Amino acid sequence: MSITKVLVGSLILGSALMADPYAACVMCHGASGEKAALGGKSKVIKDMSKADIITSLKGYQAGTYGGKMKGAMAGPVKGLSAGDIEAIANKIGK
C-alpha cells in the first residue's frame, strides 16, 4: 500500500466517521472486511471476533499492536472514539 492511500484514507476519516465509522476502513479492508490490506500483509478482519477487533483497534491507538506494520494504522485509528470502535466491531466482527 502506498503512503498516498494511507494519507487519503486518513483525510477522509473525519467525514466518513460521521455516517459510518467503518466507511474509512473500506478502502483497504473491503466493504465486508474481506480483504487482507497492505498487499496481503494484514489479517482478513471479517474473520476476527468482536473482542479481537476492539483489542486490535485500541492497541493500534496505543501503539502496542500490529508489529512492524502498526504505523500504517496509526492515522486511521487516531480519531476513533470508543463508540466508533464498538460500532466497527459490531459491524464486522463475529
N, C-alpha and C. Protein backbone atom coordinates (compact mmCIF):
# COMPACT_ATOMS: atom_id res chain seq x y z
N MET A 1 0.84 -1.17 0.00
CA MET A 1 0.00 0.00 0.00
C MET A 1 0.88 1.23 0.00
N SER A 2 0.52 2.18 -0.78
CA SER A 2 1.32 3.39 -0.87
C SER A 2 0.96 4.34 0.25
N ILE A 3 1.88 5.21 0.56
CA ILE A 3 1.66 6.24 1.57
C ILE A 3 0.53 7.15 1.14
N THR A 4 0.34 7.32 -0.17
CA THR A 4 -0.74 8.16 -0.68
C THR A 4 -2.09 7.59 -0.26
N LYS A 5 -2.27 6.27 -0.38
CA LYS A 5 -3.54 5.66 0.01
C LYS A 5 -3.78 5.84 1.50
N VAL A 6 -2.75 5.69 2.31
CA VAL A 6 -2.90 5.87 3.75
C VAL A 6 -3.28 7.30 4.07
N LEU A 7 -2.62 8.26 3.42
CA LEU A 7 -2.92 9.66 3.68
C LEU A 7 -4.32 10.03 3.22
N VAL A 8 -4.71 9.57 2.05
CA VAL A 8 -6.06 9.85 1.56
C VAL A 8 -7.09 9.24 2.51
N GLY A 9 -6.84 8.04 2.94
CA GLY A 9 -7.74 7.39 3.90
C GLY A 9 -7.85 8.18 5.18
N SER A 10 -6.74 8.69 5.66
CA SER A 10 -6.74 9.49 6.88
C SER A 10 -7.48 10.80 6.69
N LEU A 11 -7.35 11.42 5.52
CA LEU A 11 -8.02 12.68 5.25
C LEU A 11 -9.53 12.55 5.21
N ILE A 12 -10.02 11.43 4.71
CA ILE A 12 -11.47 11.26 4.62
C ILE A 12 -12.06 10.66 5.89
N LEU A 13 -11.21 10.28 6.81
CA LEU A 13 -11.68 9.62 8.03
C LEU A 13 -12.70 10.46 8.79
N GLY A 14 -12.42 11.72 8.99
CA GLY A 14 -13.32 12.56 9.78
C GLY A 14 -14.72 12.62 9.22
N SER A 15 -14.87 12.87 7.94
CA SER A 15 -16.20 12.97 7.36
C SER A 15 -16.86 11.60 7.25
N ALA A 16 -16.09 10.58 7.00
CA ALA A 16 -16.65 9.24 6.87
C ALA A 16 -17.19 8.74 8.20
N LEU A 17 -16.54 9.10 9.28
CA LEU A 17 -16.95 8.62 10.60
C LEU A 17 -18.30 9.16 11.02
N MET A 18 -18.69 10.30 10.47
CA MET A 18 -19.98 10.87 10.85
C MET A 18 -21.12 9.93 10.48
N ALA A 19 -21.04 9.29 9.34
CA ALA A 19 -22.11 8.41 8.89
C ALA A 19 -21.89 6.97 9.34
N ASP A 20 -20.69 6.47 9.19
CA ASP A 20 -20.38 5.08 9.47
C ASP A 20 -18.90 4.97 9.81
N PRO A 21 -18.56 4.64 11.04
CA PRO A 21 -17.15 4.58 11.41
C PRO A 21 -16.35 3.60 10.56
N TYR A 22 -16.99 2.59 9.99
CA TYR A 22 -16.27 1.63 9.17
C TYR A 22 -16.00 2.15 7.76
N ALA A 23 -16.66 3.21 7.35
CA ALA A 23 -16.53 3.71 5.98
C ALA A 23 -15.08 4.00 5.58
N ALA A 24 -14.28 4.51 6.50
CA ALA A 24 -12.89 4.81 6.18
C ALA A 24 -12.04 3.55 6.06
N CYS A 25 -12.52 2.44 6.57
CA CYS A 25 -11.78 1.17 6.53
C CYS A 25 -11.95 0.44 5.20
N VAL A 26 -13.05 0.74 4.52
CA VAL A 26 -13.44 0.03 3.30
C VAL A 26 -12.36 0.10 2.22
N MET A 27 -11.70 1.23 2.09
CA MET A 27 -10.71 1.40 1.03
C MET A 27 -9.64 0.30 1.09
N CYS A 28 -9.21 -0.06 2.27
CA CYS A 28 -8.15 -1.07 2.40
C CYS A 28 -8.67 -2.46 2.73
N HIS A 29 -9.72 -2.53 3.55
CA HIS A 29 -10.20 -3.82 4.06
C HIS A 29 -11.41 -4.39 3.32
N GLY A 30 -12.02 -3.60 2.43
CA GLY A 30 -13.19 -4.07 1.70
C GLY A 30 -14.48 -3.79 2.44
N ALA A 31 -15.59 -3.82 1.71
CA ALA A 31 -16.91 -3.47 2.25
C ALA A 31 -17.33 -4.36 3.42
N SER A 32 -16.89 -5.58 3.41
CA SER A 32 -17.26 -6.53 4.47
C SER A 32 -16.06 -7.00 5.29
N GLY A 33 -14.94 -6.31 5.14
CA GLY A 33 -13.73 -6.73 5.86
C GLY A 33 -13.09 -7.96 5.26
N GLU A 34 -13.37 -8.21 3.98
CA GLU A 34 -12.94 -9.44 3.31
C GLU A 34 -11.53 -9.38 2.73
N LYS A 35 -10.92 -8.21 2.68
CA LYS A 35 -9.60 -8.07 2.05
C LYS A 35 -8.49 -8.07 3.10
N ALA A 36 -7.37 -8.66 2.73
CA ALA A 36 -6.15 -8.55 3.54
C ALA A 36 -5.45 -7.28 3.05
N ALA A 37 -5.48 -6.23 3.85
CA ALA A 37 -4.91 -4.94 3.47
C ALA A 37 -3.39 -5.01 3.41
N LEU A 38 -2.80 -3.92 2.98
CA LEU A 38 -1.34 -3.78 2.91
C LEU A 38 -0.73 -4.83 2.00
N GLY A 39 -1.38 -5.06 0.88
CA GLY A 39 -0.86 -6.03 -0.08
C GLY A 39 -0.86 -7.45 0.44
N GLY A 40 -1.83 -7.75 1.29
CA GLY A 40 -1.95 -9.09 1.85
C GLY A 40 -1.22 -9.30 3.16
N LYS A 41 -0.65 -8.24 3.73
CA LYS A 41 0.12 -8.37 4.97
C LYS A 41 -0.74 -8.32 6.22
N SER A 42 -1.97 -7.83 6.11
CA SER A 42 -2.83 -7.75 7.29
C SER A 42 -3.74 -8.98 7.36
N LYS A 43 -4.40 -9.09 8.50
CA LYS A 43 -5.40 -10.14 8.67
C LYS A 43 -6.65 -9.77 7.87
N VAL A 44 -7.44 -10.78 7.54
CA VAL A 44 -8.77 -10.54 6.99
C VAL A 44 -9.66 -10.29 8.21
N ILE A 45 -10.11 -9.06 8.37
CA ILE A 45 -10.76 -8.69 9.63
C ILE A 45 -12.16 -9.27 9.80
N LYS A 46 -12.81 -9.68 8.72
CA LYS A 46 -14.14 -10.28 8.87
C LYS A 46 -14.06 -11.62 9.61
N ASP A 47 -12.88 -12.20 9.69
CA ASP A 47 -12.69 -13.47 10.40
C ASP A 47 -12.38 -13.27 11.88
N MET A 48 -12.26 -12.03 12.31
CA MET A 48 -11.92 -11.73 13.70
C MET A 48 -13.18 -11.62 14.55
N SER A 49 -13.05 -11.93 15.83
CA SER A 49 -14.17 -11.75 16.76
C SER A 49 -14.32 -10.26 17.08
N LYS A 50 -15.49 -9.91 17.61
CA LYS A 50 -15.71 -8.52 18.01
C LYS A 50 -14.67 -8.09 19.05
N ALA A 51 -14.39 -8.97 20.00
CA ALA A 51 -13.41 -8.66 21.05
C ALA A 51 -12.02 -8.45 20.45
N ASP A 52 -11.65 -9.27 19.48
CA ASP A 52 -10.33 -9.11 18.84
C ASP A 52 -10.23 -7.81 18.06
N ILE A 53 -11.32 -7.41 17.42
CA ILE A 53 -11.31 -6.14 16.68
C ILE A 53 -11.15 -4.98 17.64
N ILE A 54 -11.88 -5.01 18.74
CA ILE A 54 -11.78 -3.94 19.74
C ILE A 54 -10.36 -3.88 20.31
N THR A 55 -9.81 -5.04 20.66
CA THR A 55 -8.45 -5.09 21.21
C THR A 55 -7.43 -4.56 20.21
N SER A 56 -7.57 -4.95 18.94
CA SER A 56 -6.59 -4.51 17.95
C SER A 56 -6.70 -3.02 17.68
N LEU A 57 -7.91 -2.48 17.54
CA LEU A 57 -8.05 -1.05 17.28
C LEU A 57 -7.54 -0.21 18.44
N LYS A 58 -7.85 -0.62 19.66
CA LYS A 58 -7.34 0.10 20.83
C LYS A 58 -5.81 -0.02 20.90
N GLY A 59 -5.30 -1.18 20.55
CA GLY A 59 -3.85 -1.38 20.53
C GLY A 59 -3.17 -0.53 19.47
N TYR A 60 -3.79 -0.42 18.30
CA TYR A 60 -3.24 0.47 17.27
C TYR A 60 -3.20 1.91 17.78
N GLN A 61 -4.26 2.33 18.48
CA GLN A 61 -4.28 3.69 19.02
C GLN A 61 -3.16 3.91 20.03
N ALA A 62 -2.89 2.89 20.84
CA ALA A 62 -1.86 2.99 21.87
C ALA A 62 -0.45 2.72 21.33
N GLY A 63 -0.38 2.20 20.10
CA GLY A 63 0.91 1.85 19.52
C GLY A 63 1.48 0.54 20.04
N THR A 64 0.61 -0.30 20.60
CA THR A 64 1.06 -1.56 21.21
C THR A 64 0.66 -2.79 20.41
N TYR A 65 0.04 -2.60 19.26
CA TYR A 65 -0.47 -3.73 18.48
C TYR A 65 -0.08 -3.54 17.02
N GLY A 66 0.22 -4.63 16.35
CA GLY A 66 0.40 -4.58 14.91
C GLY A 66 1.79 -4.86 14.40
N GLY A 67 2.73 -5.11 15.27
CA GLY A 67 4.07 -5.42 14.81
C GLY A 67 4.68 -4.30 13.99
N LYS A 68 5.53 -4.66 13.04
CA LYS A 68 6.25 -3.63 12.28
C LYS A 68 5.35 -2.85 11.32
N MET A 69 4.13 -3.32 11.08
CA MET A 69 3.21 -2.62 10.18
C MET A 69 2.23 -1.70 10.92
N LYS A 70 2.37 -1.58 12.24
CA LYS A 70 1.39 -0.81 13.01
C LYS A 70 1.33 0.67 12.63
N GLY A 71 2.40 1.19 12.06
CA GLY A 71 2.41 2.59 11.66
C GLY A 71 1.37 2.90 10.59
N ALA A 72 1.03 1.92 9.77
CA ALA A 72 0.04 2.13 8.71
C ALA A 72 -1.35 2.38 9.28
N MET A 73 -1.61 1.91 10.49
CA MET A 73 -2.93 2.08 11.10
C MET A 73 -2.98 3.27 12.07
N ALA A 74 -1.85 3.86 12.38
CA ALA A 74 -1.80 4.95 13.36
C ALA A 74 -2.73 6.11 12.98
N GLY A 75 -2.67 6.56 11.75
CA GLY A 75 -3.52 7.67 11.31
C GLY A 75 -5.00 7.32 11.27
N PRO A 76 -5.36 6.21 10.61
CA PRO A 76 -6.78 5.86 10.51
C PRO A 76 -7.49 5.64 11.84
N VAL A 77 -6.79 5.18 12.88
CA VAL A 77 -7.47 4.91 14.15
C VAL A 77 -7.39 6.07 15.13
N LYS A 78 -6.58 7.05 14.82
CA LYS A 78 -6.33 8.14 15.76
C LYS A 78 -7.61 8.81 16.26
N GLY A 79 -8.53 9.10 15.38
CA GLY A 79 -9.74 9.82 15.76
C GLY A 79 -10.92 8.96 16.18
N LEU A 80 -10.73 7.66 16.26
CA LEU A 80 -11.84 6.79 16.63
C LEU A 80 -12.16 6.89 18.12
N SER A 81 -13.44 7.06 18.42
CA SER A 81 -13.88 7.06 19.81
C SER A 81 -14.16 5.62 20.23
N ALA A 82 -14.39 5.41 21.50
CA ALA A 82 -14.75 4.08 21.99
C ALA A 82 -16.04 3.61 21.31
N GLY A 83 -16.96 4.53 21.08
CA GLY A 83 -18.21 4.19 20.40
C GLY A 83 -17.99 3.80 18.94
N ASP A 84 -17.06 4.49 18.28
CA ASP A 84 -16.72 4.15 16.91
C ASP A 84 -16.12 2.75 16.83
N ILE A 85 -15.23 2.46 17.75
CA ILE A 85 -14.58 1.13 17.79
C ILE A 85 -15.61 0.05 18.02
N GLU A 86 -16.53 0.29 18.92
CA GLU A 86 -17.60 -0.68 19.19
C GLU A 86 -18.48 -0.88 17.95
N ALA A 87 -18.80 0.22 17.27
CA ALA A 87 -19.63 0.13 16.05
C ALA A 87 -18.93 -0.67 14.96
N ILE A 88 -17.63 -0.46 14.79
CA ILE A 88 -16.87 -1.23 13.79
C ILE A 88 -16.87 -2.70 14.15
N ALA A 89 -16.62 -3.00 15.42
CA ALA A 89 -16.61 -4.41 15.86
C ALA A 89 -17.96 -5.05 15.66
N ASN A 90 -19.03 -4.33 15.95
CA ASN A 90 -20.37 -4.89 15.77
C ASN A 90 -20.71 -5.10 14.30
N LYS A 91 -20.19 -4.25 13.44
CA LYS A 91 -20.49 -4.37 12.02
C LYS A 91 -19.70 -5.51 11.35
N ILE A 92 -18.45 -5.68 11.71
CA ILE A 92 -17.57 -6.60 11.01
C ILE A 92 -17.30 -7.88 11.80
N GLY A 93 -17.18 -7.79 13.11
CA GLY A 93 -16.76 -8.94 13.91
C GLY A 93 -17.77 -10.05 14.02
N LYS A 94 -17.24 -11.22 14.37
CA LYS A 94 -18.10 -12.40 14.57
C LYS A 94 -18.61 -12.45 15.99
